Amino acid sequence: MSSFSSWVRPSTYLVEPTSPIYEYLRPEPVSALLARHGEARADRSAQIWALLPLERWLRPAQGW
């Protein structure tokens, strides 16, 4: 697993069912992506890294 995985836990933001990202994405594929990455079946750090800034950007835009 990449060094990315050792310092960030994206699930803290991306698995929240109330995350504003789910107004644009379906939660099931995101959960599957996180699961595959977390189980070290695949290095999905690039995809997760792409989702994190979007999720964080949407929070202030929606009053989070």
Protein backbone atom coordinates (compact mmCIF):
# COMPACT_ATOMS: atom_id res chain seq x y z
CA MET A 1 0.00 0.00 0.00
CA SER A 2 1.25 3.50 -0.74
CA SER A 3 2.50 6.04 1.77
CA PHE A 4 -0.76 7.90 1.16
CA SER A 5 -2.57 5.19 3.10
CA SER A 6 -0.28 5.53 6.05
CA TRP A 7 -1.14 9.15 6.81
CA VAL A 8 -4.71 9.73 5.69
CA ARG A 9 -7.90 7.92 6.51
CA PRO A 10 -10.25 9.09 3.76
CA SER A 11 -13.07 7.02 5.13
CA THR A 12 -13.57 9.59 7.87
CA TYR A 13 -14.91 11.98 5.25
CA LEU A 14 -16.07 9.77 2.42
CA VAL A 15 -18.16 7.22 4.31
CA GLU A 16 -20.31 9.74 6.12
CA PRO A 17 -23.76 9.19 4.62
CA THR A 18 -24.48 12.90 4.94
CA SER A 19 -21.37 13.94 3.03
CA PRO A 20 -22.26 16.54 0.40
CA ILE A 21 -20.33 14.53 -2.20
CA TYR A 22 -23.28 12.13 -2.36
CA GLU A 23 -25.43 14.75 -3.98
CA TYR A 24 -23.21 14.11 -7.01
CA LEU A 25 -21.94 10.54 -6.58
CA ARG A 26 -23.55 7.28 -5.57
CA PRO A 27 -22.19 6.03 -2.22
CA GLU A 28 -21.93 2.36 -3.27
CA PRO A 29 -19.05 2.76 -5.76
CA VAL A 30 -17.18 5.03 -3.35
CA SER A 31 -17.59 2.47 -0.55
CA ALA A 32 -16.35 -0.30 -2.85
CA LEU A 33 -13.33 1.81 -3.82
CA LEU A 34 -12.48 2.43 -0.16
CA ALA A 35 -12.96 -1.22 0.72
CA ARG A 36 -10.67 -2.48 -2.05
CA HIS A 37 -8.04 0.05 -1.04
CA GLY A 38 -8.39 -0.66 2.68
CA GLU A 39 -8.06 -4.39 2.16
CA ALA A 40 -4.90 -3.79 0.11
CA ARG A 41 -6.46 -5.53 -2.88
CA ALA A 42 -5.73 -2.49 -5.01
CA ASP A 43 -3.92 0.82 -4.62
CA ARG A 44 -6.69 3.32 -5.17
CA SER A 45 -4.91 6.27 -3.57
CA ALA A 46 -5.06 8.36 -6.76
CA GLN A 47 -8.83 7.98 -7.04
CA ILE A 48 -9.34 8.63 -3.33
CA TRP A 49 -7.06 11.65 -3.50
CA ALA A 50 -9.20 13.03 -6.33
CA LEU A 51 -12.37 12.65 -4.24
CA LEU A 52 -11.08 14.21 -1.04
CA PRO A 53 -10.60 17.80 -2.31
CA LEU A 54 -14.02 17.70 -3.95
CA GLU A 55 -15.63 16.50 -0.73
CA ARG A 56 -13.87 19.15 1.35
CA TRP A 57 -14.67 21.88 -1.20
CA LEU A 58 -18.36 21.01 -1.15
CA ARG A 59 -18.64 21.31 2.62
CA PRO A 60 -18.17 25.11 2.89
CA ALA A 61 -20.26 25.60 -0.23
CA GLN A 62 -23.19 23.93 1.51
CA GLY A 63 -22.71 25.45 4.94
CA TRP A 64 -20.97 22.48 6.57
